[in-house]
Amino acid sequence: MICNNHIYCNGNSLISPESSLSEGILYSKDYLNNSLIIGEFPNITLKALMKSMGGARKLHRKWNETEKEDKIDILCSAGKMLERKSDYDSPIALSGGFPIKYLAKARSEISQYLKSAEELIKEYPGMGPVFAATSVTTPHVQPYVMVEALLGNCSITIKGDKDEPFSAYLLSEIGQELELPIQFITYDSKEKSRFAHEMYKNLCVDAGGHFVLMGDPKTPLKIAYPEILEKIGNDETLLSELQIPKGMITYTDHGGIIYIHKSADIKSAVRGTLESYQFPMACKTPVEILVDHEVMEEYRSILLDNIKKLKVGPVTDTETDIAELNSTQWEALVDPFLRTAKGNGKIIYGGDKNQPAVIVGFFEDNCVMEPHWPTLCLESVESYAEAVEKINHHGINHSRKSYLDLSIFYKDLLVGSYFESMRRKNLLAVHTIHDNLPTLTVNPNIGHENTILRDVFSGKPYFDRIN
């Protein structure tokens, strides 16, 4: 329930349908002011965890026994509820630093996604319970993983970041009302490795489910091989030789990138560019914008006209376009990226604290960093072949040698087919291509990163998936 911007989540309903063994409280705090508590969540114990995993298996079986038509009705009902449910917009904004004006749109996009269940749901039996540990809980990331699991006929247990778990809780609450196979758990980060290992062992190894991870590339290995890692310590060579085990779906890459072709509708391209920075703390935020030299002047001019109109302010102000940061956040998150960008280019707008920046230059050093703020690095290219070359060259230092998302803005259809064919041939270092859409879009035809989770979760044969 919500009262005076304060949330308390009942452990009985959120750990699993049959467990009330929650002990202790975890607090969610304001992103600007750590002394301001905006939510309370039950701290799940190891004992309660075992019951929650049993609940996950039961939920999976029940969901699989549900007729397809009934699943579609339930998912559509969840979509309709989500569209109306604005109760958590303020806590989501305050805990995650997301301007509240964008949250209704994000809910609407996820809602439309759920309401299109008839087109999206798979008729395969599902791969069992899914556990998702997400390091970022923007409205575009966590719900997407949850919905893909449901469409793939799996139950979903999600570990929300205790600092900003509200978007997961929102879908969990709806799921409970409609008997969707969703669980939400939160636990103290000091116990993170132990809990994660138990979840992996019991849900993936023993029950044949899947474990979805986002963040540090070493995290899956630490979860799967804690005993080995205790022996080898921090030996990076030995660590790199360990294999990601079966059942783990790892999304450990970061960084989006944008390409503006000369055939693009420049006004639409600028709009899509700015939408890509709506949630700057998300891992899909672009690190660079490649612009065809023939339209660079027009693009830059329209971009500057629009960025000057953006309002920086409190996240709960409905007029705010960019969430303000405090000095500590700015110095830790934004300033390193900004200083590196300044060293590689010329600032043509902004660049001071709590001011968006536009910089023109060559940004190889920035391409493995995360901006955490609208710092738009524009680089000119002569052709889309050169854009591909730069994407591949800049992306080589990522953990899997690829960017997470590429947004291409164009009208010439040959451009889109060229990029897609290069990606399919593994000649383009990106996992997902968005045609004339921002990097933070929710679109039922776009798989999250390099694998369409819905296919993986449903158990769709690999051969079918690639043909």
Protein backbone atom coordinates (compact mmCIF):
# COMPACT_ATOMS: atom_id res chain seq x y z
CA MET A 1 0.00 0.00 0.00
CA ILE A 2 1.07 3.59 -0.50
CA CYS A 3 0.63 6.32 2.08
CA ASN A 4 2.37 9.69 2.00
CA ASN A 5 4.87 8.50 -0.62
CA HIS A 6 5.79 5.52 1.59
CA ILE A 7 5.63 1.92 0.46
CA TYR A 8 5.54 -1.26 2.45
CA CYS A 9 5.50 -4.58 0.61
CA ASN A 10 4.00 -7.58 2.42
CA GLY A 11 6.47 -10.48 2.39
CA ASN A 12 3.69 -13.03 2.18
CA SER A 13 2.47 -11.80 -1.18
CA LEU A 14 5.81 -10.94 -2.72
CA ILE A 15 8.19 -13.75 -1.74
CA SER A 16 5.95 -16.53 -2.97
CA PRO A 17 2.28 -17.47 -2.80
CA GLU A 18 2.82 -19.64 0.28
CA SER A 19 5.73 -18.09 2.22
CA SER A 20 5.62 -15.47 4.95
CA LEU A 21 9.11 -16.04 6.33
CA SER A 22 10.49 -12.61 5.54
CA GLU A 23 12.73 -11.13 8.22
CA GLY A 24 14.05 -7.60 8.52
CA ILE A 25 13.50 -4.59 6.32
CA LEU A 26 15.41 -3.07 3.41
CA TYR A 27 14.96 0.59 2.65
CA SER A 28 14.72 2.29 -0.71
CA LYS A 29 15.98 5.87 -0.70
CA ASP A 30 15.69 9.02 -2.76
CA TYR A 31 18.28 9.09 -5.55
CA LEU A 32 19.35 12.62 -4.53
CA ASN A 33 19.08 12.28 -0.76
CA ASN A 34 20.11 9.01 0.89
CA SER A 35 18.62 10.12 4.19
CA LEU A 36 15.11 10.21 2.69
CA ILE A 37 13.43 6.79 2.79
CA ILE A 38 10.68 6.33 0.22
CA GLY A 39 10.03 2.60 0.49
CA GLU A 40 10.32 -0.45 2.76
CA PHE A 41 10.77 -3.98 1.48
CA PRO A 42 11.04 -7.34 3.25
CA ASN A 43 14.54 -8.81 3.41
CA ILE A 44 14.16 -12.42 2.32
CA THR A 45 16.12 -15.06 4.29
CA LEU A 46 17.81 -18.21 2.99
CA LYS A 47 15.09 -20.27 4.66
CA ALA A 48 12.36 -18.30 2.89
CA LEU A 49 14.31 -18.54 -0.36
CA MET A 50 13.88 -22.32 -0.48
CA LYS A 51 10.11 -21.94 -0.25
CA SER A 52 10.10 -19.24 -2.90
CA MET A 53 11.93 -21.57 -5.30
CA GLY A 54 9.35 -24.28 -4.68
CA GLY A 55 6.71 -21.68 -5.43
CA ALA A 56 8.46 -20.79 -8.70
CA ARG A 57 8.27 -24.40 -9.89
CA LYS A 58 4.60 -24.68 -8.96
CA LEU A 59 3.82 -21.40 -10.71
CA HIS A 60 5.54 -22.66 -13.85
CA ARG A 61 3.51 -25.88 -13.89
CA LYS A 62 0.26 -24.01 -13.33
CA TRP A 63 1.02 -21.47 -16.06
CA ASN A 64 1.84 -24.26 -18.50
CA GLU A 65 -1.46 -26.00 -17.74
CA THR A 66 -3.36 -22.81 -18.52
CA GLU A 67 -4.97 -22.77 -21.98
CA LYS A 68 -3.41 -20.39 -24.50
CA GLU A 69 -6.63 -18.38 -24.86
CA ASP A 70 -6.81 -17.92 -21.09
CA LYS A 71 -3.18 -16.82 -20.98
CA ILE A 72 -3.87 -14.23 -23.65
CA ASP A 73 -6.87 -12.90 -21.69
CA ILE A 74 -4.82 -12.69 -18.48
CA LEU A 75 -1.89 -10.93 -20.18
CA CYS A 76 -4.23 -8.48 -21.91
CA SER A 77 -5.90 -7.74 -18.57
CA ALA A 78 -2.45 -7.13 -17.05
CA GLY A 79 -1.73 -4.68 -19.86
CA LYS A 80 -4.95 -2.76 -19.22
CA MET A 81 -4.23 -2.59 -15.48
CA LEU A 82 -0.67 -1.43 -16.05
CA GLU A 83 -1.79 1.42 -18.29
CA ARG A 84 -4.01 2.80 -15.52
CA LYS A 85 -1.72 2.09 -12.56
CA SER A 86 0.19 5.29 -11.91
CA ASP A 87 0.53 4.68 -8.14
CA TYR A 88 4.23 3.93 -8.37
CA ASP A 89 5.30 6.61 -10.83
CA SER A 90 6.49 8.90 -8.05
CA PRO A 91 8.55 6.26 -6.15
CA ILE A 92 10.04 4.98 -9.41
CA ALA A 93 11.06 8.50 -10.35
CA LEU A 94 12.45 9.33 -6.91
CA SER A 95 14.39 6.10 -6.41
CA GLY A 96 15.79 5.74 -9.91
CA GLY A 97 16.22 9.35 -11.02
CA PHE A 98 13.78 9.06 -13.91
CA PRO A 99 11.67 12.09 -14.94
CA ILE A 100 8.09 11.25 -14.06
CA LYS A 101 6.75 12.59 -17.37
CA TYR A 102 8.28 9.60 -19.19
CA LEU A 103 6.89 6.92 -16.89
CA ALA A 104 3.32 7.02 -18.24
CA LYS A 105 4.72 6.49 -21.73
CA ALA A 106 6.90 3.60 -20.53
CA ARG A 107 3.91 1.96 -18.84
CA SER A 108 1.87 2.45 -21.99
CA GLU A 109 4.55 0.77 -24.12
CA ILE A 110 4.80 -2.25 -21.82
CA SER A 111 1.00 -2.30 -21.63
CA GLN A 112 0.65 -2.42 -25.43
CA TYR A 113 3.26 -5.18 -25.46
CA LEU A 114 1.19 -7.26 -23.02
CA LYS A 115 -2.01 -6.57 -24.94
CA SER A 116 -0.40 -7.96 -28.11
CA ALA A 117 0.06 -11.35 -26.39
CA GLU A 118 -1.91 -13.20 -29.06
CA GLU A 119 0.74 -12.36 -31.66
CA LEU A 120 3.70 -12.88 -29.33
CA ILE A 121 3.04 -15.83 -27.04
CA LYS A 122 4.83 -19.06 -27.89
CA GLU A 123 3.16 -22.47 -27.93
CA TYR A 124 6.26 -24.32 -26.76
CA PRO A 125 6.21 -25.83 -23.25
CA GLY A 126 8.54 -23.30 -21.62
CA MET A 127 11.89 -23.97 -20.02
CA GLY A 128 10.85 -23.87 -16.38
CA PRO A 129 11.25 -21.15 -13.78
CA VAL A 130 13.30 -18.08 -14.69
CA PHE A 131 15.28 -16.03 -12.18
CA ALA A 132 16.32 -12.55 -13.30
CA ALA A 133 18.87 -10.41 -11.48
CA THR A 134 18.87 -6.97 -13.04
CA SER A 135 21.23 -4.23 -12.01
CA VAL A 136 19.07 -1.46 -13.50
CA THR A 137 15.32 -1.22 -13.00
CA THR A 138 14.24 1.39 -15.51
CA PRO A 139 10.70 0.92 -16.79
CA HIS A 140 12.20 -0.27 -20.09
CA VAL A 141 14.47 -3.01 -18.74
CA GLN A 142 13.12 -5.05 -15.87
CA PRO A 143 9.49 -5.34 -17.04
CA TYR A 144 10.70 -6.35 -20.49
CA VAL A 145 12.58 -9.37 -19.10
CA MET A 146 9.55 -10.29 -17.01
CA VAL A 147 7.11 -10.08 -19.91
CA GLU A 148 9.36 -12.15 -22.18
CA ALA A 149 9.42 -14.92 -19.60
CA LEU A 150 5.62 -14.92 -19.35
CA LEU A 151 5.23 -14.99 -23.14
CA GLY A 152 7.66 -17.92 -23.22
CA ASN A 153 5.45 -19.90 -20.79
CA CYS A 154 7.81 -19.58 -17.83
CA SER A 155 7.34 -18.43 -14.26
CA ILE A 156 9.56 -15.48 -13.31
CA THR A 157 11.28 -14.70 -10.02
CA ILE A 158 12.94 -11.31 -10.14
CA LYS A 159 15.52 -9.92 -7.76
CA GLY A 160 14.98 -6.19 -7.73
CA ASP A 161 17.74 -3.80 -6.81
CA LYS A 162 16.86 -2.82 -3.24
CA ASP A 163 17.54 0.83 -4.08
CA GLU A 164 15.01 1.01 -6.91
CA PRO A 165 12.74 -2.05 -7.12
CA PHE A 166 9.45 -0.35 -7.82
CA SER A 167 9.00 -1.22 -11.48
CA ALA A 168 9.38 -4.91 -10.64
CA TYR A 169 7.03 -4.59 -7.69
CA LEU A 170 4.44 -2.91 -9.90
CA LEU A 171 4.18 -5.89 -12.24
CA SER A 172 4.36 -8.30 -9.30
CA GLU A 173 1.35 -6.64 -7.71
CA ILE A 174 -0.63 -6.84 -10.94
CA GLY A 175 0.54 -10.42 -11.37
CA GLN A 176 -0.73 -11.40 -7.95
CA GLU A 177 -4.19 -9.99 -8.68
CA LEU A 178 -4.39 -11.90 -11.96
CA GLU A 179 -2.51 -15.02 -10.85
CA LEU A 180 0.38 -14.46 -13.20
CA PRO A 181 3.45 -16.61 -12.37
CA ILE A 182 5.50 -13.71 -10.96
CA GLN A 183 7.53 -13.51 -7.76
CA PHE A 184 9.53 -10.56 -6.47
CA ILE A 185 12.29 -10.92 -3.88
CA THR A 186 14.71 -8.45 -2.35
CA TYR A 187 17.63 -9.30 -0.11
CA ASP A 188 20.56 -7.61 1.55
CA SER A 189 23.43 -7.14 -0.90
CA LYS A 190 25.87 -8.58 1.68
CA GLU A 191 24.23 -11.96 1.04
CA LYS A 192 24.04 -11.49 -2.72
CA SER A 193 26.49 -14.21 -3.80
CA ARG A 194 25.06 -16.87 -1.48
CA PHE A 195 21.50 -16.19 -2.50
CA ALA A 196 22.31 -16.04 -6.19
CA HIS A 197 24.24 -19.32 -6.04
CA GLU A 198 21.33 -21.05 -4.29
CA MET A 199 18.89 -19.68 -6.85
CA TYR A 200 21.10 -20.81 -9.71
CA LYS A 201 21.64 -24.28 -8.27
CA ASN A 202 18.03 -24.95 -7.34
CA LEU A 203 16.21 -23.24 -10.18
CA CYS A 204 18.62 -23.87 -13.06
CA VAL A 205 20.73 -26.92 -12.28
CA ASP A 206 18.05 -28.90 -10.43
CA ALA A 207 14.86 -27.59 -12.02
CA GLY A 208 16.05 -26.89 -15.57
CA GLY A 209 15.22 -23.22 -15.50
CA HIS A 210 17.12 -20.16 -16.66
CA PHE A 211 19.11 -17.50 -14.85
CA VAL A 212 19.18 -14.04 -16.47
CA LEU A 213 21.99 -11.72 -15.46
CA MET A 214 22.87 -8.16 -16.35
CA GLY A 215 25.97 -6.26 -15.32
CA ASP A 216 29.56 -7.28 -14.67
CA PRO A 217 30.72 -10.07 -17.04
CA LYS A 218 32.34 -11.90 -14.10
CA THR A 219 29.09 -12.13 -12.15
CA PRO A 220 27.82 -15.37 -13.79
CA LEU A 221 31.11 -17.11 -13.00
CA LYS A 222 31.06 -15.93 -9.40
CA ILE A 223 27.54 -17.31 -9.01
CA ALA A 224 28.20 -20.66 -10.68
CA TYR A 225 31.66 -21.40 -9.29
CA PRO A 226 31.98 -19.91 -5.79
CA GLU A 227 34.06 -22.82 -4.45
CA ILE A 228 36.54 -22.67 -7.34
CA LEU A 229 36.86 -18.91 -7.08
CA GLU A 230 37.68 -19.16 -3.38
CA LYS A 231 40.70 -21.25 -4.38
CA ILE A 232 41.92 -19.24 -7.37
CA GLY A 233 41.28 -15.82 -5.81
CA ASN A 234 41.55 -12.96 -8.28
CA ASP A 235 43.52 -14.83 -10.93
CA GLU A 236 42.00 -13.25 -14.07
CA THR A 237 43.54 -15.87 -16.38
CA LEU A 238 41.92 -18.79 -14.58
CA LEU A 239 38.66 -16.88 -14.25
CA SER A 240 38.48 -16.27 -18.00
CA GLU A 241 38.91 -20.00 -18.67
CA LEU A 242 35.73 -20.93 -16.79
CA GLN A 243 32.74 -21.57 -19.03
CA ILE A 244 29.37 -19.87 -18.64
CA PRO A 245 27.28 -22.89 -17.59
CA LYS A 246 24.05 -24.15 -19.05
CA GLY A 247 20.95 -22.33 -17.91
CA MET A 248 22.57 -18.89 -17.70
CA ILE A 249 21.56 -16.14 -20.09
CA THR A 250 24.09 -13.37 -19.60
CA TYR A 251 23.57 -9.80 -20.73
CA THR A 252 26.76 -8.15 -19.66
CA ASP A 253 27.34 -5.64 -22.43
CA HIS A 254 26.64 -1.95 -22.21
CA GLY A 255 26.35 1.05 -24.46
CA GLY A 256 24.12 2.10 -27.28
CA ILE A 257 25.19 3.90 -30.46
CA ILE A 258 23.27 5.95 -33.05
CA TYR A 259 23.80 6.36 -36.80
CA ILE A 260 22.13 9.13 -38.83
CA HIS A 261 22.10 8.39 -42.56
CA LYS A 262 21.85 11.23 -45.08
CA SER A 263 18.40 9.98 -46.16
CA ALA A 264 16.97 10.28 -42.63
CA ASP A 265 14.12 12.53 -41.60
CA ILE A 266 16.37 14.76 -39.49
CA LYS A 267 13.63 16.07 -37.21
CA SER A 268 12.57 12.50 -36.39
CA ALA A 269 16.20 11.51 -35.94
CA VAL A 270 16.74 14.31 -33.43
CA ARG A 271 13.59 13.32 -31.57
CA GLY A 272 14.76 9.69 -31.44
CA THR A 273 18.19 10.80 -30.30
CA LEU A 274 16.86 12.76 -27.36
CA GLU A 275 14.49 9.93 -26.38
CA SER A 276 17.54 7.67 -26.18
CA TYR A 277 18.75 9.79 -23.25
CA GLN A 278 15.48 9.82 -21.28
CA PHE A 279 16.89 7.39 -18.69
CA PRO A 280 20.61 8.20 -18.72
CA MET A 281 21.49 5.69 -15.99
CA ALA A 282 20.34 2.82 -18.23
CA CYS A 283 22.92 0.62 -19.94
CA LYS A 284 21.32 1.22 -23.35
CA THR A 285 22.13 4.95 -23.36
CA PRO A 286 24.21 5.89 -26.45
CA VAL A 287 27.92 6.61 -26.05
CA GLU A 288 28.27 8.12 -29.53
CA ILE A 289 26.25 9.48 -32.47
CA LEU A 290 27.64 8.90 -35.96
CA VAL A 291 26.26 11.41 -38.47
CA ASP A 292 26.66 11.39 -42.25
CA HIS A 293 28.79 14.41 -43.19
CA GLU A 294 26.18 15.59 -45.72
CA VAL A 295 23.55 16.16 -43.00
CA MET A 296 25.81 16.96 -40.04
CA GLU A 297 25.14 20.71 -40.17
CA GLU A 298 21.35 20.28 -40.41
CA TYR A 299 21.28 17.60 -37.70
CA ARG A 300 23.47 19.65 -35.37
CA SER A 301 21.37 22.78 -35.86
CA ILE A 302 18.05 21.04 -35.12
CA LEU A 303 19.58 19.13 -32.22
CA LEU A 304 20.83 22.34 -30.60
CA ASP A 305 17.46 24.03 -31.08
CA ASN A 306 15.75 21.14 -29.28
CA ILE A 307 18.26 20.46 -26.53
CA LYS A 308 18.18 24.09 -25.43
CA LYS A 309 14.48 23.67 -24.67
CA LEU A 310 14.97 20.73 -22.29
CA LYS A 311 14.34 21.43 -18.63
CA VAL A 312 16.67 20.05 -15.95
CA GLY A 313 14.90 19.74 -12.61
CA PRO A 314 13.31 17.54 -9.93
CA VAL A 315 12.10 14.17 -11.21
CA THR A 316 8.59 14.65 -9.83
CA ASP A 317 8.08 17.90 -11.73
CA THR A 318 5.97 16.99 -14.77
CA GLU A 319 7.85 19.60 -16.83
CA THR A 320 11.29 18.05 -16.13
CA ASP A 321 13.01 16.48 -19.14
CA ILE A 322 16.35 15.63 -17.46
CA ALA A 323 16.72 14.63 -13.82
CA GLU A 324 19.05 16.87 -11.85
CA LEU A 325 22.01 15.28 -10.01
CA ASN A 326 23.76 16.26 -6.82
CA SER A 327 27.50 17.09 -6.72
CA THR A 328 28.53 13.60 -5.59
CA GLN A 329 26.61 11.90 -8.40
CA TRP A 330 27.89 14.36 -10.98
CA GLU A 331 31.53 13.90 -9.98
CA ALA A 332 31.27 10.11 -9.78
CA LEU A 333 29.05 9.34 -12.77
CA VAL A 334 29.10 12.14 -15.33
CA ASP A 335 32.30 14.12 -14.97
CA PRO A 336 34.72 11.29 -15.99
CA PHE A 337 32.80 10.76 -19.24
CA LEU A 338 32.48 14.49 -19.87
CA ARG A 339 36.18 15.19 -19.25
CA THR A 340 37.18 12.38 -21.62
CA ALA A 341 34.79 13.68 -24.28
CA LYS A 342 36.12 17.23 -23.90
CA GLY A 343 39.62 15.93 -24.52
CA ASN A 344 38.49 14.35 -27.79
CA GLY A 345 36.28 17.07 -29.20
CA LYS A 346 34.92 20.57 -29.12
CA ILE A 347 31.96 21.52 -26.90
CA ILE A 348 29.36 23.37 -28.95
CA TYR A 349 26.74 23.49 -26.20
CA GLY A 350 26.61 23.08 -22.42
CA GLY A 351 28.97 20.93 -20.41
CA ASP A 352 28.61 22.49 -16.97
CA LYS A 353 27.06 20.72 -13.97
CA ASN A 354 23.43 19.73 -14.56
CA GLN A 355 23.63 20.98 -18.12
CA PRO A 356 23.39 18.67 -21.14
CA ALA A 357 26.34 18.82 -23.52
CA VAL A 358 26.84 18.49 -27.27
CA ILE A 359 30.43 17.77 -28.35
CA VAL A 360 31.78 17.28 -31.87
CA GLY A 361 34.94 15.26 -32.44
CA PHE A 362 36.42 11.73 -32.44
CA PHE A 363 35.43 9.71 -29.38
CA GLU A 364 37.13 6.32 -29.32
CA ASP A 365 38.12 6.75 -25.65
CA ASN A 366 34.49 7.37 -24.63
CA CYS A 367 33.07 4.32 -26.31
CA VAL A 368 33.68 1.93 -23.42
CA MET A 369 32.35 4.37 -20.80
CA GLU A 370 28.77 5.10 -19.77
CA PRO A 371 27.64 8.75 -19.92
CA HIS A 372 24.93 8.60 -17.19
CA TRP A 373 23.79 11.97 -18.50
CA PRO A 374 22.81 13.57 -21.83
CA THR A 375 26.35 14.08 -23.12
CA LEU A 376 25.92 13.83 -26.89
CA CYS A 377 29.11 13.02 -28.77
CA LEU A 378 28.75 13.71 -32.52
CA GLU A 379 31.20 12.21 -34.97
CA SER A 380 31.10 12.75 -38.73
CA VAL A 381 31.32 9.82 -41.18
CA GLU A 382 31.57 9.77 -44.96
CA SER A 383 29.35 6.71 -45.56
CA TYR A 384 27.47 3.94 -43.80
CA ALA A 385 30.38 1.61 -44.58
CA GLU A 386 32.57 3.92 -42.51
CA ALA A 387 29.91 3.93 -39.78
CA VAL A 388 30.10 0.12 -39.62
CA GLU A 389 33.88 0.29 -39.50
CA LYS A 390 33.79 2.74 -36.58
CA ILE A 391 31.14 0.74 -34.71
CA ASN A 392 33.24 -2.41 -35.01
CA HIS A 393 36.46 -0.62 -34.08
CA HIS A 394 34.98 1.21 -31.09
CA GLY A 395 33.06 -1.84 -29.88
CA ILE A 396 36.08 -4.14 -29.73
CA ASN A 397 36.80 -3.28 -26.09
CA HIS A 398 33.40 -4.38 -24.82
CA SER A 399 33.14 -7.65 -22.92
CA ARG A 400 31.57 -9.47 -25.85
CA LYS A 401 33.09 -7.16 -28.48
CA SER A 402 29.73 -5.60 -29.26
CA TYR A 403 27.46 -2.72 -28.39
CA LEU A 404 24.13 -3.45 -26.79
CA ASP A 405 21.95 -1.43 -29.18
CA LEU A 406 22.30 0.43 -32.47
CA SER A 407 19.64 2.92 -33.58
CA ILE A 408 19.71 3.71 -37.32
CA PHE A 409 17.75 6.63 -38.74
CA TYR A 410 17.19 6.43 -42.50
CA LYS A 411 14.63 6.46 -45.33
CA ASP A 412 16.75 4.61 -47.90
CA LEU A 413 15.71 0.98 -47.35
CA LEU A 414 19.05 -0.29 -48.64
CA VAL A 415 20.68 1.19 -45.55
CA GLY A 416 18.54 -0.81 -43.14
CA SER A 417 18.96 -4.07 -45.05
CA TYR A 418 22.74 -3.51 -45.25
CA PHE A 419 23.11 -3.06 -41.50
CA GLU A 420 20.84 -6.01 -40.73
CA SER A 421 22.68 -8.31 -43.14
CA MET A 422 26.00 -7.29 -41.60
CA ARG A 423 24.63 -8.04 -38.13
CA ARG A 424 23.31 -11.45 -39.17
CA LYS A 425 26.70 -12.34 -40.66
CA ASN A 426 28.40 -11.32 -37.38
CA LEU A 427 30.19 -8.54 -39.26
CA LEU A 428 28.63 -5.77 -37.20
CA ALA A 429 29.47 -5.43 -33.49
CA VAL A 430 25.95 -4.79 -32.18
CA HIS A 431 23.39 -7.10 -30.62
CA THR A 432 20.18 -5.29 -31.56
CA ILE A 433 19.25 -2.87 -34.34
CA HIS A 434 16.43 -0.34 -33.93
CA ASP A 435 15.12 1.06 -37.22
CA ASN A 436 14.18 4.74 -36.85
CA LEU A 437 13.62 4.24 -33.12
CA PRO A 438 15.50 5.33 -29.99
CA THR A 439 17.77 2.91 -28.15
CA LEU A 440 15.35 2.80 -25.21
CA THR A 441 12.31 1.71 -27.19
CA VAL A 442 9.99 -1.12 -26.26
CA ASN A 443 9.01 -2.89 -29.45
CA PRO A 444 7.58 -6.42 -29.77
CA ASN A 445 9.59 -7.05 -32.93
CA ILE A 446 12.96 -6.23 -31.35
CA GLY A 447 14.74 -8.81 -29.22
CA HIS A 448 16.51 -7.61 -26.10
CA GLU A 449 20.22 -7.64 -26.93
CA ASN A 450 21.51 -10.49 -29.13
CA THR A 451 18.92 -13.14 -28.23
CA ILE A 452 15.15 -12.94 -28.35
CA LEU A 453 14.39 -13.98 -24.78
CA ARG A 454 10.89 -15.13 -25.62
CA ASP A 455 12.28 -17.80 -27.93
CA VAL A 456 14.87 -18.94 -25.40
CA PHE A 457 12.40 -19.10 -22.54
CA SER A 458 9.79 -20.95 -24.56
CA GLY A 459 12.21 -23.73 -25.45
CA LYS A 460 11.91 -23.02 -29.16
CA PRO A 461 14.51 -25.17 -30.94
CA TYR A 462 17.68 -23.30 -31.85
CA PHE A 463 17.44 -24.32 -35.52
CA ASP A 464 13.98 -22.74 -35.80
CA ARG A 465 15.20 -19.61 -34.08
CA ILE A 466 17.94 -18.87 -36.60
CA ASN A 467 15.93 -19.63 -39.72
